[in-house]
Protein backbone atom coordinates (compact mmCIF):
# COMPACT_ATOMS: atom_id res chain seq x y z
CA MET A 1 125.98 219.12 290.95
CA ILE A 2 129.05 216.87 290.99
CA ARG A 3 127.95 215.34 294.31
CA ARG A 4 124.51 214.58 292.87
CA LEU A 5 126.09 212.75 289.91
CA GLU A 6 128.39 210.85 292.27
CA TRP A 7 125.37 209.83 294.38
CA LEU A 8 123.46 208.70 291.28
CA SER A 9 126.40 206.71 290.04
CA GLY A 10 127.37 205.13 293.34
CA ASP A 11 129.93 203.08 291.44
CA GLY A 12 127.06 202.06 289.17
CA LYS A 13 125.10 200.29 291.93
CA VAL A 14 122.07 202.58 291.79
CA LEU A 15 121.87 202.48 288.00
CA ARG A 16 122.20 198.72 288.00
CA LEU A 17 119.41 198.48 290.57
CA VAL A 18 117.18 200.72 288.46
CA GLY A 19 117.95 198.60 285.40
CA ARG A 20 117.04 195.41 287.21
CA ILE A 21 113.79 196.89 288.44
CA ALA A 22 112.97 197.97 284.90
CA LEU A 23 113.70 194.47 283.54
CA VAL A 24 111.49 192.89 286.17
CA ALA A 25 108.71 195.36 285.35
CA VAL A 26 108.99 194.60 281.63
CA ALA A 27 108.99 190.85 282.33
CA LEU A 28 105.86 191.19 284.46
CA VAL A 29 104.07 193.23 281.81
CA VAL A 30 105.04 190.80 279.03
CA GLY A 31 104.11 187.83 281.21
CA TYR A 32 100.73 189.34 282.02
CA ALA A 33 100.08 190.09 278.33
CA LEU A 34 101.04 186.56 277.28
CA GLY A 35 98.96 185.03 280.06
CA ALA A 36 95.95 187.04 279.01
CA ALA A 37 96.51 186.07 275.37
CA LEU A 38 96.80 182.37 276.22
CA VAL A 39 93.34 182.30 277.76
CA SER A 40 91.84 184.25 274.88
CA PRO A 41 90.35 182.82 271.64
CA GLN A 42 93.67 183.68 269.90
CA SER A 43 95.69 181.37 272.16
CA THR A 44 96.79 179.07 269.31
CA ALA A 45 98.19 181.98 267.32
CA VAL A 46 100.03 183.24 270.40
CA VAL A 47 101.70 179.86 270.93
CA THR A 48 102.64 179.72 267.25
CA TYR A 49 104.24 183.15 267.05
CA VAL A 50 105.97 182.96 270.41
CA GLY A 51 107.37 179.54 269.56
CA VAL A 52 108.56 180.65 266.14
CA ALA A 53 110.08 183.81 267.61
CA PHE A 54 111.97 181.70 270.17
CA CYS A 55 113.37 179.44 267.44
CA LEU A 56 114.43 182.35 265.25
CA GLY A 57 115.92 184.14 268.25
CA ALA A 58 118.02 181.08 269.05
CA ILE A 59 119.25 181.01 265.45
CA LEU A 60 120.27 184.67 265.56
CA VAL A 61 122.14 184.17 268.85
CA ASP A 62 123.94 181.01 267.68
CA PRO A 63 123.06 179.46 264.29
CA LYS A 64 124.45 176.04 265.27
CA ILE A 65 122.47 175.81 268.50
CA GLY A 66 119.39 177.19 266.76
CA MET A 67 119.67 174.58 264.02
CA LEU A 68 119.97 171.72 266.50
CA LEU A 69 117.05 173.11 268.53
CA TRP A 70 114.95 173.13 265.37
CA ILE A 71 115.80 169.46 264.74
CA ILE A 72 114.73 168.50 268.26
CA ILE A 73 111.35 170.21 268.09
CA ALA A 74 110.60 169.71 264.37
CA PRO A 75 108.41 166.59 264.84
CA TYR A 76 106.21 168.52 267.28
CA ALA A 77 105.75 171.56 265.00
CA ARG A 78 102.38 170.48 263.64
CA PHE A 79 101.05 169.53 267.07
CA ILE A 80 102.16 172.48 269.26
CA PRO A 81 101.56 174.15 266.63
CA LEU A 82 104.57 176.00 265.20
CA ASP A 83 103.55 175.98 261.54
CA ILE A 84 102.08 179.32 260.45
CA GLN A 85 98.87 178.93 258.45
CA LEU A 86 98.60 181.61 255.76
CA GLY A 87 95.15 180.83 254.44
CA HIS A 88 93.64 179.07 251.44
CA GLY A 89 95.72 179.14 248.28
CA ILE A 90 98.88 180.35 250.02
CA PRO A 91 101.63 177.87 250.96
CA ASP A 92 101.87 177.51 254.74
CA LEU A 93 104.97 178.88 256.41
CA LYS A 94 106.00 175.63 258.06
CA LEU A 95 108.67 175.77 260.74
CA SER A 96 111.15 173.75 258.66
CA ARG A 97 110.68 176.03 255.66
CA LEU A 98 111.06 179.17 257.76
CA VAL A 99 114.10 177.94 259.70
CA THR A 100 116.01 176.83 256.61
CA LEU A 101 115.27 180.13 254.84
CA VAL A 102 116.42 182.18 257.85
CA LEU A 103 119.56 180.07 258.25
CA LEU A 104 120.36 180.49 254.57
CA ALA A 105 119.84 184.25 254.76
CA LEU A 106 121.98 184.50 257.89
CA PHE A 107 124.74 182.41 256.32
CA ALA A 108 124.70 184.53 253.14
CA ALA A 109 124.88 187.73 255.23
CA GLN A 110 127.82 186.43 257.25
CA VAL A 111 129.68 185.49 254.08
CA ALA A 112 128.92 188.88 252.54
CA VAL A 113 130.38 190.83 255.46
CA GLY A 114 133.38 188.52 255.78
CA ARG A 115 132.42 186.92 259.11
CA ARG A 116 132.35 183.43 257.61
CA LYS A 117 134.31 181.71 254.86
CA LEU A 118 132.90 179.12 252.51
CA SER A 119 134.14 175.60 253.14
CA ARG A 120 135.92 174.08 250.16
CA VAL A 121 133.75 172.08 247.81
CA ILE A 122 134.18 168.29 247.84
CA TRP A 123 132.65 165.50 245.76
CA SER A 124 129.91 164.88 248.32
CA ASP A 125 128.69 168.45 247.86
CA ILE A 126 128.65 168.11 244.08
CA PHE A 127 126.77 164.82 244.17
CA MET A 128 124.24 166.22 246.64
CA ALA A 129 123.63 169.27 244.42
CA LEU A 130 123.15 167.01 241.38
CA PHE A 131 120.75 164.79 243.31
CA ALA A 132 118.67 167.82 244.30
CA ALA A 133 118.67 169.22 240.75
CA PHE A 134 117.70 165.97 238.99
CA THR A 135 115.02 165.24 241.59
CA LEU A 136 113.47 168.62 240.82
CA ILE A 137 113.57 167.82 237.10
CA SER A 138 111.71 164.56 237.76
CA TYR A 139 108.72 166.62 238.94
CA SER A 140 108.23 167.83 235.38
CA GLY A 141 106.42 164.57 234.65
CA SER A 142 104.44 164.61 237.88
CA PRO A 143 100.63 164.51 237.91
CA MET A 144 100.68 167.17 240.66
CA SER A 145 99.93 170.79 240.00
CA THR A 146 102.95 173.10 239.82
CA ASN A 147 102.17 174.62 243.22
CA LYS A 148 101.74 171.25 244.92
CA ALA A 149 104.80 169.77 243.20
CA LEU A 150 107.03 172.62 244.38
CA GLN A 151 105.76 172.34 247.94
CA ASN A 152 106.23 168.57 247.87
CA TYR A 153 109.80 168.97 246.58
CA TRP A 154 110.55 171.67 249.13
CA ASP A 155 109.36 169.66 252.12
CA ILE A 156 110.63 166.21 251.17
CA TYR A 157 113.90 166.91 249.35
CA LEU A 158 114.96 170.54 249.52
CA VAL A 159 114.80 171.02 253.31
CA PRO A 160 117.12 168.04 254.01
CA VAL A 161 119.50 169.10 251.22
CA ILE A 162 119.71 172.65 252.58
CA ALA A 163 120.24 171.19 256.07
CA TYR A 164 123.21 169.21 254.73
CA PHE A 165 124.85 172.23 253.12
CA LEU A 166 124.26 174.39 256.20
CA ALA A 167 125.78 171.71 258.42
CA ARG A 168 128.80 171.55 256.11
CA GLN A 169 129.32 175.27 256.55
CA PHE A 170 128.37 175.82 260.19
CA PHE A 171 129.93 172.80 261.89
CA SER A 172 133.70 172.43 261.88
CA THR A 173 134.84 171.11 265.26
CA GLU A 174 134.70 167.86 267.20
CA ARG A 175 132.56 169.63 269.78
CA ASP A 176 130.04 170.41 267.03
CA VAL A 177 129.81 166.75 266.05
CA LYS A 178 129.31 165.77 269.68
CA ARG A 179 126.45 168.26 269.89
CA ILE A 180 124.89 166.66 266.82
CA ALA A 181 125.30 163.26 268.49
CA ILE A 182 123.54 164.55 271.61
CA THR A 183 120.75 165.94 269.43
CA LEU A 184 120.28 162.56 267.75
CA SER A 185 120.22 160.90 271.18
CA ILE A 186 117.58 163.32 272.48
CA VAL A 187 115.36 162.69 269.46
CA GLY A 188 115.81 158.93 269.71
CA PHE A 189 115.16 159.03 273.44
CA TYR A 190 111.80 160.80 273.30
CA LEU A 191 110.68 158.75 270.28
CA ALA A 192 111.56 155.55 272.18
CA LEU A 193 109.57 156.72 275.20
CA LEU A 194 106.56 157.58 273.02
CA ALA A 195 106.74 154.22 271.22
CA THR A 196 106.95 152.31 274.50
CA HIS A 197 104.09 154.31 276.01
CA GLU A 198 101.87 153.82 272.97
CA GLN A 199 102.56 150.08 272.62
CA THR A 200 101.91 149.38 276.32
CA THR A 201 98.95 151.69 276.94
CA GLY A 202 97.34 152.09 273.53
CA ILE A 203 97.28 155.87 274.04
CA ILE A 204 98.53 158.03 271.16
CA LEU A 205 99.70 161.39 272.45
CA PHE A 206 100.51 162.90 269.03
CA TYR A 207 98.33 161.32 266.35
CA PRO A 208 98.91 162.14 262.67
CA GLU A 209 95.57 161.95 260.94
CA ASP A 210 94.38 158.97 258.89
CA ARG A 211 96.95 156.45 260.13
CA SER A 212 96.34 152.76 260.71
CA VAL A 213 97.22 151.72 264.27
CA ILE A 214 97.00 147.93 263.89
CA TYR A 215 99.77 145.56 262.77
CA SER A 216 98.04 142.37 263.91
CA THR A 217 95.82 141.06 266.71
CA HIS A 218 98.36 141.58 269.48
CA VAL A 219 100.61 144.27 267.96
CA ARG A 220 99.88 147.95 267.62
CA ARG A 221 101.33 149.97 264.80
CA VAL A 222 103.19 152.82 266.51
CA VAL A 223 102.26 156.16 264.90
CA ASN A 224 103.14 158.76 267.56
CA LEU A 225 104.57 161.96 266.02
CA LEU A 226 105.99 160.47 262.81
CA GLY A 227 103.04 158.34 261.72
CA ASN A 228 105.06 155.23 260.86
CA PRO A 229 106.90 152.72 263.08
CA ALA A 230 109.59 152.30 260.40
CA PHE A 231 110.37 156.02 260.55
CA THR A 232 110.39 155.99 264.34
CA THR A 233 112.75 153.05 264.64
CA ILE A 234 115.20 154.54 262.12
CA CYS A 235 115.65 157.62 264.30
CA ILE A 236 116.08 155.40 267.36
CA ALA A 237 118.65 153.19 265.60
CA MET A 238 120.65 156.21 264.40
CA ALA A 239 120.96 157.40 268.00
CA ALA A 240 122.10 154.01 269.36
CA PRO A 241 125.77 154.15 268.22
CA PHE A 242 126.27 157.56 269.79
CA ALA A 243 124.60 156.51 273.05
CA ALA A 244 126.92 153.50 273.13
CA ARG A 245 129.93 155.70 272.46
CA GLY A 246 128.86 158.12 275.18
CA MET A 247 128.62 155.25 277.64
CA ILE A 248 132.18 154.13 276.78
CA GLU A 249 133.90 157.51 276.54
CA SER A 250 132.30 159.36 279.47
CA LYS A 251 134.79 160.19 282.22
CA THR A 252 132.45 160.07 285.22
CA ARG A 253 130.33 157.23 286.50
CA GLY A 254 127.21 159.39 286.54
CA ARG A 255 127.51 160.24 282.85
CA ARG A 256 128.17 156.62 281.96
CA LEU A 257 125.00 155.61 283.77
CA VAL A 258 123.01 158.31 281.95
CA TRP A 259 124.25 157.06 278.57
CA LEU A 260 123.63 153.45 279.58
CA GLY A 261 120.09 154.34 280.59
CA THR A 262 119.61 156.14 277.28
CA LEU A 263 120.84 153.11 275.34
CA LEU A 264 118.47 150.81 277.24
CA VAL A 265 115.53 153.14 276.57
CA LEU A 266 116.46 153.19 272.88
CA ALA A 267 116.63 149.38 272.80
CA VAL A 268 113.22 149.01 274.44
CA GLY A 269 111.70 151.65 272.18
CA SER A 270 113.08 149.97 269.07
CA PHE A 271 111.63 146.64 270.17
CA MET A 272 108.24 148.22 270.91
CA CYS A 273 107.98 149.48 267.33
CA TYR A 274 107.73 145.82 266.19
CA ASN A 275 109.37 146.70 262.89
CA ARG A 276 111.66 143.95 261.66
CA ALA A 277 113.84 146.21 259.51
CA GLY A 278 114.14 148.51 262.53
CA TRP A 279 115.23 145.65 264.78
CA ALA A 280 117.89 144.64 262.23
CA ALA A 281 119.06 148.24 261.87
CA PHE A 282 119.43 148.73 265.62
CA ILE A 283 121.53 145.59 266.06
CA ALA A 284 123.56 146.13 262.88
CA ALA A 285 124.34 149.74 263.87
CA LEU A 286 126.05 148.44 267.00
CA LEU A 287 127.64 145.36 265.45
CA VAL A 288 129.33 147.36 262.70
CA MET A 289 131.28 149.22 265.40
CA LEU A 290 132.89 146.08 266.84
CA PRO A 291 135.84 145.63 264.43
CA PHE A 292 136.87 149.30 264.61
CA TYR A 293 136.24 150.28 268.22
CA PRO A 294 138.26 148.11 270.69
CA ARG A 295 136.93 149.72 273.89
CA PHE A 296 133.35 149.20 272.77
CA ARG A 297 134.08 145.64 271.64
CA LYS A 298 135.48 144.80 275.07
CA VAL A 299 132.20 145.81 276.73
CA PHE A 300 129.55 144.99 274.14
CA LEU A 301 130.75 141.70 272.65
CA PRO A 302 130.39 139.64 275.89
CA VAL A 303 126.96 141.18 276.50
CA PHE A 304 125.87 140.47 272.93
CA LEU A 305 127.09 136.86 272.94
CA THR A 306 125.44 136.24 276.32
CA ALA A 307 122.17 137.67 274.99
CA VAL A 308 122.38 135.46 271.88
CA VAL A 309 122.97 132.35 274.02
CA LEU A 310 120.09 133.20 276.36
CA LEU A 311 117.81 133.91 273.42
CA GLY A 312 118.74 130.57 271.88
CA ILE A 313 117.99 128.75 275.12
CA THR A 314 114.65 130.50 275.69
CA TRP A 315 113.62 130.76 272.04
CA GLY A 316 110.72 128.37 272.49
CA VAL A 317 109.20 130.63 275.16
CA VAL A 318 110.07 133.90 273.38
CA SER A 319 108.69 132.81 270.02
CA ALA A 320 105.46 131.68 271.69
CA VAL A 321 104.66 135.25 272.80
CA PRO A 322 101.73 136.22 270.53
CA ALA A 323 103.04 139.63 269.56
CA ILE A 324 106.51 138.35 268.64
CA ARG A 325 105.14 135.31 266.84
CA GLU A 326 102.80 137.44 264.75
CA ARG A 327 105.56 139.78 263.65
CA LEU A 328 108.11 137.08 262.89
CA GLN A 329 105.65 134.91 260.99
CA ALA A 330 104.07 137.73 258.99
CA GLU A 331 104.93 136.73 255.42
CA GLY A 332 102.32 138.89 253.71
CA PRO A 333 104.34 142.13 253.78
CA ILE A 334 107.40 140.34 252.35
CA ILE A 335 105.43 138.65 249.56
CA TRP A 336 103.71 141.93 248.73
CA ARG A 337 107.04 143.78 248.58
CA MET A 338 108.46 141.24 246.17
CA GLN A 339 105.42 141.62 243.93
CA VAL A 340 105.66 145.41 244.02
CA LEU A 341 109.39 145.31 243.26
CA GLY A 342 108.67 143.10 240.26
CA THR A 343 106.22 145.66 238.94
CA ALA A 344 108.67 148.48 239.67
CA TRP A 345 111.34 146.67 237.66
CA LYS A 346 109.03 146.72 234.62
CA MET A 347 108.69 150.49 234.97
CA ILE A 348 112.46 150.85 235.30
CA GLN A 349 113.01 148.84 232.11
CA ALA A 350 110.59 151.12 230.29
CA HIS A 351 112.04 154.37 231.70
CA PRO A 352 115.62 153.65 232.88
CA LEU A 353 117.20 157.08 232.49
CA THR A 354 114.66 159.60 233.75
CA GLY A 355 112.08 157.40 235.50
CA VAL A 356 108.31 157.67 235.32
CA GLY A 357 108.19 161.01 237.17
CA GLN A 358 107.50 161.88 240.78
CA GLY A 359 104.16 160.63 242.04
CA ASN A 360 103.44 158.42 239.01
CA PHE A 361 104.27 155.02 240.50
CA ALA A 362 100.87 154.51 242.12
CA ALA A 363 99.02 155.87 239.09
CA LEU A 364 100.86 153.59 236.65
CA TYR A 365 100.96 150.54 238.90
CA THR A 366 97.92 148.75 237.49
CA LEU A 367 99.22 149.25 233.94
CA TYR A 368 102.39 147.29 234.73
CA ALA A 369 101.18 144.84 237.39
CA ARG A 370 100.25 141.29 236.51
CA GLY A 371 98.92 138.31 238.45
CA ALA A 372 98.85 138.63 242.21
CA ALA A 373 100.54 142.03 242.10
CA TYR A 374 97.53 143.31 240.16
CA GLN A 375 94.94 141.26 242.01
CA TYR A 376 95.81 142.67 245.42
CA ALA A 377 96.32 146.25 244.34
CA ASP A 378 93.86 148.42 246.24
CA PRO A 379 92.93 151.54 244.25
CA ASN A 380 91.39 153.05 247.39
CA ALA A 381 94.32 152.38 249.71
CA ARG A 382 94.85 154.88 252.53
CA VAL A 383 98.54 154.93 251.70
CA LEU A 384 99.57 155.06 248.03
CA MET A 385 101.48 152.09 246.68
CA SER A 386 105.23 152.54 246.56
CA PRO A 387 108.31 150.39 245.82
CA HIS A 388 109.15 149.91 249.55
CA ASN A 389 112.84 150.37 248.75
CA SER A 390 114.53 153.76 248.79
CA PHE A 391 116.98 153.03 246.00
CA VAL A 392 114.28 151.54 243.77
CA TYR A 393 112.04 154.48 244.65
CA ILE A 394 114.62 156.92 243.30
CA LEU A 395 115.34 154.78 240.24
CA VAL A 396 111.73 154.16 239.25
CA GLN A 397 110.52 157.76 239.71
CA SER A 398 113.65 159.77 238.89
CA GLY A 399 115.83 157.39 236.90
CA LEU A 400 119.53 156.65 236.76
CA ILE A 401 120.41 160.33 236.40
CA THR A 402 119.19 160.82 239.99
CA LEU A 403 120.17 157.51 241.58
CA ILE A 404 123.83 157.78 240.51
CA PRO A 405 124.39 161.15 242.28
CA TYR A 406 122.61 159.81 245.39
CA LEU A 407 124.87 156.76 245.52
CA GLY A 408 127.84 159.00 244.73
CA PHE A 409 127.02 161.18 247.72
CA LEU A 410 126.84 158.21 250.06
CA LEU A 411 130.02 156.58 248.78
CA SER A 412 132.07 159.77 248.66
CA ALA A 413 131.01 160.78 252.19
CA PHE A 414 131.91 157.33 253.49
CA TRP A 415 135.27 157.45 251.68
CA VAL A 416 136.17 160.78 253.35
CA THR A 417 135.40 159.34 256.79
CA LEU A 418 137.34 156.15 256.04
CA ARG A 419 140.45 158.05 254.91
CA PHE A 420 140.24 160.25 257.98
CA TYR A 421 139.88 157.24 260.29
CA ARG A 422 142.99 155.64 258.78
CA ARG A 423 145.08 158.83 259.01
CA ILE A 424 144.44 159.78 262.63
CA ALA A 425 145.67 158.22 265.88
CA ASP A 426 143.33 159.92 268.38
CA ALA A 427 141.16 157.12 269.81
CA LYS A 428 138.22 159.36 270.78
CA ALA A 429 138.09 160.99 267.35
CA ARG A 430 138.19 157.56 265.77
CA SER A 431 135.31 156.40 267.95
CA LEU A 432 133.23 159.34 266.71
CA ILE A 433 133.82 158.25 263.11
CA VAL A 434 132.92 154.65 263.96
CA ALA A 435 129.66 155.79 265.60
CA THR A 436 128.92 157.74 262.43
CA TRP A 437 129.34 154.52 260.42
CA GLY A 438 126.85 152.90 262.76
CA ALA A 439 124.39 155.69 261.99
CA PHE A 440 125.04 155.14 258.26
CA VAL A 441 123.96 151.51 258.63
CA ALA A 442 120.98 152.46 260.81
CA TYR A 443 119.70 154.85 258.13
CA LEU A 444 120.46 152.86 254.98
CA LEU A 445 119.57 149.30 256.02
CA PRO A 446 115.84 150.02 256.55
CA GLY A 447 115.94 151.80 253.20
CA MET A 448 116.12 148.35 251.61
CA ALA A 449 112.63 147.62 252.94
CA GLY A 450 110.99 151.03 252.93
CA ASP A 451 110.79 154.38 251.17
CA ILE A 452 113.06 156.12 253.65
CA VAL A 453 114.21 158.64 251.07
CA ILE A 454 110.86 160.47 251.38
CA PHE A 455 111.06 160.54 255.19
CA SER A 456 112.08 164.18 255.39
CA PHE A 457 112.83 164.37 259.12
CA GLY A 458 114.98 161.24 259.01
CA ALA A 459 116.85 162.68 256.03
CA VAL A 460 117.47 165.89 257.98
CA LEU A 461 118.95 163.91 260.87
CA PHE A 462 121.16 161.88 258.56
CA TYR A 463 122.28 164.74 256.30
CA VAL A 464 123.06 167.07 259.21
CA LEU A 465 125.14 164.32 260.80
CA VAL A 466 127.02 163.66 257.57
CA GLY A 467 127.45 167.36 256.85
CA GLY A 468 128.67 168.05 260.38
CA VAL A 469 131.17 165.16 260.32
CA LEU A 470 132.51 166.21 256.93
CA GLY A 471 132.77 169.81 258.15
CA TRP A 472 134.77 168.65 261.17
CA ILE A 473 137.06 166.45 259.07
CA LEU A 474 137.82 169.29 256.66
CA GLY A 475 138.06 171.83 259.47
CA GLU A 476 139.50 171.29 262.93
CA GLY A 477 139.96 167.60 262.22
CA GLN A 478 142.87 168.28 259.87
CA ALA A 479 145.03 168.97 262.92
CA LEU A 480 144.54 165.36 264.05
CA ILE A 481 145.98 163.82 260.90
CA VAL A 482 149.31 162.12 261.52
CA PRO A 483 151.84 163.12 258.85
CA ARG A 484 153.02 160.21 256.75
CA GLU A 485 156.62 159.23 257.22
CA THR A 486 158.89 160.42 254.49
CA ALA A 487 159.55 157.58 252.12
CA GLU A 488 162.98 156.04 252.43
CA GLY A 489 165.41 157.56 250.01
CA SER A 490 163.25 160.57 249.17
CA ALA A 491 164.71 164.03 249.23
């Protein structure tokens, strides 16, 4: 009997072999079942549930990796599809809703069993919570039904806010921030490729329904995935500072070339969006790094100055290109924005504290508009009229009680990064903060010319970055702070 057991054990070799055979058999059975399901009429449902299961499995294995994976695939969720349709009258279980709920539940469970500690509360957290609360209150005056208003709030505002708080709690190391930077770069990279492909071929691989695809005679309006070239170019511009940093800080030539290639793809993709605010954001995101990042300045400044000189010399030829000329000379959008902002200001004067309520701007527009602003208002527009300015959007629809916390969040988050930058000596850590400032500019500058605040995916990218950087600063980053010298004469 003992000999039989020894033979079966064989130092575990036989049992391991049996286990491997069993795993292979299970994999073959599962693969056959999935293959059969994919060629059946229920193939869409199979893709949905397998994809969702994969995302949730990644979250359970590692919440940080799962969260970043969700960000990468989120724009594709409606096209793959990964959103679970629950039937008429029941809110769909969209991937973003499901992921944030699971992450919240997992975080609460880890805190409850003592596996995770809550990060200390800072002013940025308080301002973000106030912004979320007052935005919800602004829906009380909305023309939407209660069900639709709650879904609208959940998708546009609550998901990004939850993403910020989860990032604050989950991410606490420099490695975490670098992973976020890589995630931003991946998103920017594939959006740049899609924009370039669409502008050059006219083929839309992922078309959101009911979207205009024409800017002018020679310029397409890029709508792949996100439905708006302004949204696309914001994501690309936010990735640019981190691609530039990766090119400078990489230790091997191969990695530097990869990051350089990524930065070039991002630049081409941004240009192909033909969005002027996006062009300005991309350049400004890199320029803002120059005073604070010597290694980057040494490489980028000569290249930038050379490009400016060459552009000045060849401007006559460049400006004669039909597509570029049409975009640069398009005054209609600017005039229209000024007229809309004038009308928005009248609404703000009438409702300064609480705003007119979410979704009421378009409905009330003709009551406040005068002259050309009224004459050119299209009551049957495919896209509802809006202020075309994120800060005005918040002010006109939610009032000062919501705008002040939003500005407080931005300013307090920037102040934390600035203090950290000034108190550390590590050059690589400093460069990560500087790249974050570049992303700040890339996100906020286009907000002066568009309603970026309602671009949920862009807000998720930005809030997760800010939350992750703040988590690092208040976590592992504290070890990098150089103690201040004891004042002369002090005890």
